[in-house]
Amino acid sequence: MCDGFANFSCLMAGIVPSPFMDGGEIYLSLENWGSQTLRVLAKQLQVYKPPFVVEEPGNEADVICNSVSPGMEKPAAIKDDPFSYSVKCCRERRAAVLVCLFEGDEGELRVILTKRSMKLSSHPGEVAFPGGKMEEGDADDTATALREAMEEIGLDPNLVQVVANLEPFISQHQLRVVPVVGLLSRIEDFKPVPNTDEVDAVFDVPLEMFLKEENHRCEEREWMGWKYALHLFDFESEQGIFLIWGFTANILIRTASIVYQRIPSFSEHLPNFQQLQRALNNVP
């Protein structure tokens, strides 16, 4: 039996674990949901725990309140209700993306991506996940990711089984982005309806490609005097040629590493931007 799905090769061997307990919670066998591949993956990801603790919004109150320079008066909103102010600021700096996985025709895991509209003022034409900033009505990161996926590509939230939230990724604008991993059991039920104001194309790629040397290249970049590795992947399909790089590529490399339980085959002489951010903030 594969303990906690530590080795994804068990999936290929056709071994499906029975229900088990972790931390007092019962994880069901999902016998009537999806394919065997996706049931195994769901079990594996349900017990995933990020490698470091993320600060809760309440813990940011002191950071925000103390960020005012000495001698300057704190804004009234901070003085009157520092906790609410910190939550508001946290939401404004927080976003979520949907890493939606499904099983391809040959049994491989694939992930849904978009090409951002050329009409957009930020990152036009770049490859991205469905996602965006947290809004006031969003209960949590999962709600944000599912809402954005519905708005951008017409993905019905009822089709997606959310199984894990990965650790937050930090953009170069210091936006905290949470990848929400969801599984789509029946890809044929998803009929993309792109919002043409935001999305020019919806396509999918094999997840495992982000662990392979093939179609991968790396460039050295610099941020505030620190060097880091920028990963780029070329992908060609019937819909065209796509360049998957930077922030999106980092999330895909991380997701693939977690799912397949192995590191990329390409060498990494420099940290990527996320690894650099964690190192600079003394996060393990």
Protein backbone atom coordinates (compact mmCIF):
# COMPACT_ATOMS: atom_id res chain seq x y z
CA MET A 1 0.00 0.00 0.00
CA CYS A 2 1.25 3.49 -0.82
CA ASP A 3 1.48 5.44 2.43
CA GLY A 4 0.01 8.91 1.90
CA PHE A 5 0.66 8.58 -1.84
CA ALA A 6 4.28 9.52 -1.26
CA ASN A 7 5.25 7.96 -4.58
CA PHE A 8 3.12 8.89 -7.57
CA SER A 9 4.37 5.79 -9.38
CA CYS A 10 1.89 3.85 -7.23
CA LEU A 11 -0.81 5.53 -9.27
CA MET A 12 0.55 4.04 -12.46
CA ALA A 13 0.75 0.64 -10.78
CA GLY A 14 -2.99 0.77 -10.18
CA ILE A 15 -2.93 0.89 -6.38
CA VAL A 16 -5.79 2.82 -4.80
CA PRO A 17 -5.47 3.36 -1.04
CA SER A 18 -8.32 2.85 1.37
CA PRO A 19 -9.68 5.69 3.52
CA PHE A 20 -7.26 6.79 6.23
CA MET A 21 -7.01 9.34 8.99
CA ASP A 22 -4.65 12.28 9.26
CA GLY A 23 -4.73 14.69 12.16
CA GLY A 24 -8.12 13.39 13.23
CA GLU A 25 -9.73 14.00 9.84
CA ILE A 26 -11.09 11.19 7.70
CA TYR A 27 -10.22 11.28 4.00
CA LEU A 28 -12.79 9.41 1.94
CA SER A 29 -11.91 6.96 -0.81
CA LEU A 30 -13.79 9.00 -3.45
CA GLU A 31 -14.80 5.70 -5.02
CA ASN A 32 -17.59 7.24 -7.04
CA TRP A 33 -15.69 10.31 -8.19
CA GLY A 34 -13.46 10.66 -11.23
CA SER A 35 -10.91 8.25 -12.60
CA GLN A 36 -8.50 6.14 -10.59
CA THR A 37 -5.71 8.53 -11.52
CA LEU A 38 -7.58 11.53 -10.15
CA ARG A 39 -8.75 9.70 -7.02
CA VAL A 40 -5.15 8.85 -6.17
CA LEU A 41 -4.04 12.39 -6.87
CA ALA A 42 -6.86 13.81 -4.74
CA LYS A 43 -5.76 11.68 -1.80
CA GLN A 44 -2.16 12.76 -2.22
CA LEU A 45 -2.94 16.45 -2.37
CA GLN A 46 -5.52 16.47 0.42
CA VAL A 47 -2.75 15.85 2.94
CA TYR A 48 -0.31 18.34 1.42
CA LYS A 49 0.97 20.88 3.89
CA PRO A 50 2.98 23.91 2.76
CA PRO A 51 6.62 23.78 3.87
CA PHE A 52 6.32 27.02 5.83
CA VAL A 53 3.67 28.83 7.84
CA VAL A 54 1.94 31.77 6.20
CA GLU A 55 1.06 34.74 8.37
CA GLU A 56 -2.65 35.17 9.06
CA PRO A 57 -4.16 38.61 8.34
CA GLY A 58 -4.41 39.41 12.05
CA ASN A 59 -0.68 39.01 12.43
CA GLU A 60 -0.13 41.77 9.88
CA ALA A 61 -1.74 44.46 12.02
CA ASP A 62 1.45 45.24 13.88
CA VAL A 63 3.47 45.19 10.64
CA ILE A 64 1.11 47.67 8.99
CA CYS A 65 0.73 49.88 12.05
CA ASN A 66 4.45 49.97 12.67
CA SER A 67 5.28 50.71 9.05
CA VAL A 68 4.57 54.41 9.54
CA SER A 69 7.77 56.40 9.87
CA PRO A 70 8.66 57.78 13.34
CA GLY A 71 7.21 61.22 13.95
CA MET A 72 4.43 60.71 11.40
CA GLU A 73 0.84 60.39 12.53
CA LYS A 74 -0.83 57.08 11.74
CA PRO A 75 -3.89 57.28 9.45
CA ALA A 76 -7.20 57.39 11.30
CA ALA A 77 -8.21 54.01 9.85
CA ILE A 78 -5.24 52.37 11.55
CA LYS A 79 -5.79 54.09 14.89
CA ASP A 80 -9.53 53.38 14.98
CA ASP A 81 -9.45 49.72 13.99
CA PRO A 82 -5.99 48.31 13.21
CA PHE A 83 -7.26 44.73 12.77
CA SER A 84 -9.91 45.63 10.17
CA TYR A 85 -7.41 47.87 8.41
CA SER A 86 -4.87 45.05 8.26
CA VAL A 87 -7.46 42.62 6.85
CA LYS A 88 -8.44 45.16 4.19
CA CYS A 89 -4.80 45.74 3.24
CA CYS A 90 -4.19 42.00 3.20
CA ARG A 91 -7.10 41.46 0.80
CA GLU A 92 -5.88 44.24 -1.47
CA ARG A 93 -2.48 42.56 -1.71
CA ARG A 94 -3.82 39.01 -2.03
CA ALA A 95 -4.82 37.03 -5.11
CA ALA A 96 -5.49 33.43 -6.07
CA VAL A 97 -5.13 31.36 -9.23
CA LEU A 98 -6.73 28.05 -10.18
CA VAL A 99 -4.32 25.25 -11.06
CA CYS A 100 -6.91 23.01 -12.72
CA LEU A 101 -5.69 19.49 -13.50
CA PHE A 102 -7.39 16.79 -15.53
CA GLU A 103 -6.55 13.46 -17.13
CA GLY A 104 -5.63 13.55 -20.82
CA ASP A 105 -6.49 11.03 -23.51
CA GLU A 106 -3.33 9.04 -22.81
CA GLY A 107 -3.73 9.08 -19.03
CA GLU A 108 -1.34 11.98 -18.50
CA LEU A 109 -2.10 14.86 -16.16
CA ARG A 110 -2.74 18.15 -17.91
CA VAL A 111 -3.29 21.69 -16.65
CA ILE A 112 -5.53 24.45 -18.03
CA LEU A 113 -3.86 27.74 -18.92
CA THR A 114 -4.87 30.95 -20.65
CA LYS A 115 -3.27 33.51 -22.90
CA ARG A 116 -4.07 36.93 -21.53
CA SER A 117 -5.84 39.37 -23.82
CA MET A 118 -3.76 41.88 -25.74
CA LYS A 119 -6.32 44.48 -24.58
CA LEU A 120 -5.11 44.25 -20.98
CA SER A 121 -2.87 46.97 -19.60
CA SER A 122 -0.79 44.53 -17.53
CA HIS A 123 1.00 41.50 -18.95
CA PRO A 124 -0.90 41.48 -22.27
CA GLY A 125 -0.48 38.31 -24.32
CA GLU A 126 1.26 36.40 -21.55
CA VAL A 127 0.37 32.87 -20.44
CA ALA A 128 -1.32 32.69 -17.04
CA PHE A 129 -3.65 30.68 -14.85
CA PRO A 130 -7.26 31.74 -14.47
CA GLY A 131 -7.23 33.95 -11.39
CA GLY A 132 -7.05 37.43 -9.95
CA LYS A 133 -7.24 39.60 -6.87
CA MET A 134 -9.39 38.74 -3.89
CA GLU A 135 -12.63 40.71 -3.75
CA GLU A 136 -14.68 41.72 -0.73
CA GLY A 137 -17.31 39.03 -1.29
CA ASP A 138 -14.77 36.18 -1.52
CA ALA A 139 -14.81 33.96 1.56
CA ASP A 140 -11.29 32.65 0.97
CA ASP A 141 -8.63 31.93 -1.66
CA THR A 142 -10.63 29.03 -3.09
CA ALA A 143 -13.63 31.30 -3.65
CA THR A 144 -11.41 33.84 -5.41
CA ALA A 145 -9.85 31.26 -7.73
CA LEU A 146 -13.17 29.62 -8.65
CA ARG A 147 -14.90 32.96 -9.21
CA GLU A 148 -12.13 34.21 -11.46
CA ALA A 149 -12.08 30.96 -13.46
CA MET A 150 -15.82 31.28 -14.06
CA GLU A 151 -15.49 34.92 -15.09
CA GLU A 152 -12.46 34.42 -17.34
CA ILE A 153 -13.05 31.08 -19.07
CA GLY A 154 -16.57 29.98 -18.11
CA LEU A 155 -15.43 27.10 -15.90
CA ASP A 156 -18.37 26.05 -13.72
CA PRO A 157 -17.15 25.78 -10.08
CA ASN A 158 -19.35 22.70 -9.65
CA LEU A 159 -17.11 20.81 -12.07
CA VAL A 160 -13.98 21.40 -9.97
CA GLN A 161 -12.94 19.40 -6.91
CA VAL A 162 -10.56 21.62 -4.94
CA VAL A 163 -7.98 19.46 -3.15
CA ALA A 164 -5.20 21.76 -1.94
CA ASN A 165 -3.89 25.27 -1.53
CA LEU A 166 -0.17 25.67 -2.11
CA GLU A 167 2.06 28.13 -0.32
CA PRO A 168 1.66 31.77 -1.48
CA PHE A 169 3.85 32.99 -4.32
CA ILE A 170 5.08 36.59 -4.32
CA SER A 171 4.90 38.63 -7.51
CA GLN A 172 7.45 41.28 -8.37
CA HIS A 173 4.84 43.84 -7.31
CA GLN A 174 4.70 42.08 -3.91
CA LEU A 175 1.23 40.67 -4.49
CA ARG A 176 0.66 37.46 -2.52
CA VAL A 177 -0.82 34.84 -4.85
CA VAL A 178 -2.19 31.51 -3.59
CA PRO A 179 -2.32 28.63 -6.11
CA VAL A 180 -5.54 26.67 -5.54
CA VAL A 181 -5.26 23.15 -6.96
CA GLY A 182 -8.48 21.73 -8.38
CA LEU A 183 -9.28 18.54 -10.27
CA LEU A 184 -11.63 18.29 -13.23
CA SER A 185 -12.98 14.75 -13.43
CA ARG A 186 -14.73 15.12 -16.80
CA ILE A 187 -12.89 17.45 -19.15
CA GLU A 188 -15.62 16.88 -21.77
CA ASP A 189 -18.06 18.73 -19.49
CA PHE A 190 -15.95 21.88 -19.70
CA LYS A 191 -16.81 24.05 -22.69
CA PRO A 192 -14.52 27.09 -22.55
CA VAL A 193 -16.25 30.44 -22.88
CA PRO A 194 -13.39 32.97 -22.79
CA ASN A 195 -14.08 36.49 -21.65
CA THR A 196 -12.58 38.25 -24.66
CA ASP A 197 -11.78 41.33 -22.60
CA GLU A 198 -9.41 39.26 -20.49
CA VAL A 199 -8.51 36.09 -22.41
CA ASP A 200 -7.38 35.49 -25.99
CA ALA A 201 -7.01 31.69 -25.74
CA VAL A 202 -7.65 28.73 -23.45
CA PHE A 203 -5.36 25.72 -23.81
CA ASP A 204 -3.84 22.89 -21.80
CA VAL A 205 -0.38 21.40 -21.37
CA PRO A 206 1.05 18.23 -19.81
CA LEU A 207 2.03 18.94 -16.21
CA GLU A 208 5.10 16.73 -16.29
CA MET A 209 6.77 18.88 -18.96
CA PHE A 210 7.69 21.34 -16.21
CA LEU A 211 10.10 18.83 -14.72
CA LYS A 212 11.86 18.04 -18.00
CA GLU A 213 14.81 19.61 -19.77
CA GLU A 214 13.04 19.42 -23.11
CA ASN A 215 11.58 22.78 -24.24
CA HIS A 216 13.08 24.45 -21.15
CA ARG A 217 15.59 27.25 -20.98
CA CYS A 218 16.77 29.53 -18.22
CA GLU A 219 17.87 33.15 -18.13
CA GLU A 220 19.66 35.04 -15.39
CA ARG A 221 17.82 38.10 -14.10
CA GLU A 222 18.33 40.56 -11.27
CA TRP A 223 15.98 42.01 -8.65
CA MET A 224 17.19 44.74 -6.30
CA GLY A 225 20.77 43.60 -6.76
CA TRP A 226 20.02 39.89 -6.27
CA LYS A 227 20.39 37.42 -9.11
CA TYR A 228 17.75 34.80 -9.79
CA ALA A 229 16.82 32.24 -12.45
CA LEU A 230 13.97 32.95 -14.86
CA HIS A 231 12.49 29.71 -16.24
CA LEU A 232 10.94 29.61 -19.71
CA PHE A 233 9.13 26.77 -21.49
CA ASP A 234 8.07 26.62 -25.13
CA PHE A 235 4.87 24.77 -25.96
CA GLU A 236 3.35 24.16 -29.38
CA SER A 237 -0.19 22.93 -30.03
CA GLU A 238 -2.87 23.21 -32.69
CA GLN A 239 -3.79 26.56 -31.14
CA GLY A 240 -0.35 27.98 -31.69
CA ILE A 241 3.01 28.44 -29.97
CA PHE A 242 2.99 29.57 -26.35
CA LEU A 243 5.77 30.81 -24.09
CA ILE A 244 5.22 29.85 -20.46
CA TRP A 245 7.62 31.69 -18.19
CA GLY A 246 8.31 33.56 -14.98
CA PHE A 247 5.63 33.55 -12.31
CA THR A 248 3.39 31.01 -14.05
CA ALA A 249 6.32 28.70 -14.79
CA ASN A 250 7.42 28.78 -11.14
CA ILE A 251 3.97 27.69 -9.94
CA LEU A 252 3.88 24.91 -12.55
CA ILE A 253 7.34 23.65 -11.57
CA ARG A 254 6.30 23.60 -7.92
CA THR A 255 2.99 21.87 -8.65
CA ALA A 256 4.66 19.22 -10.83
CA SER A 257 7.32 18.61 -8.17
CA ILE A 258 4.63 18.03 -5.53
CA VAL A 259 2.48 15.79 -7.73
CA TYR A 260 5.30 13.65 -9.12
CA GLN A 261 7.40 13.76 -5.93
CA ARG A 262 10.63 14.63 -7.68
CA ILE A 263 12.75 17.65 -8.52
CA PRO A 264 13.17 18.99 -12.09
CA SER A 265 15.73 17.29 -14.31
CA PHE A 266 17.18 20.65 -15.37
CA SER A 267 19.92 22.15 -13.24
CA GLU A 268 19.18 25.17 -11.05
CA HIS A 269 22.35 27.12 -10.30
CA LEU A 270 20.41 30.13 -9.06
CA PRO A 271 17.22 30.37 -7.00
CA ASN A 272 14.06 31.29 -8.86
CA PHE A 273 12.22 34.44 -7.83
CA GLN A 274 10.09 32.65 -5.23
CA GLN A 275 13.09 30.94 -3.65
CA LEU A 276 14.87 34.29 -3.57
CA GLN A 277 11.91 35.94 -1.83
CA ARG A 278 11.78 33.22 0.81
CA ALA A 279 15.52 33.46 1.40
CA LEU A 280 15.39 37.22 1.77
CA ASN A 281 12.52 36.90 4.26
CA ASN A 282 14.23 34.09 6.19
CA VAL A 283 11.44 31.64 5.35
CA PRO A 284 12.51 27.94 5.23
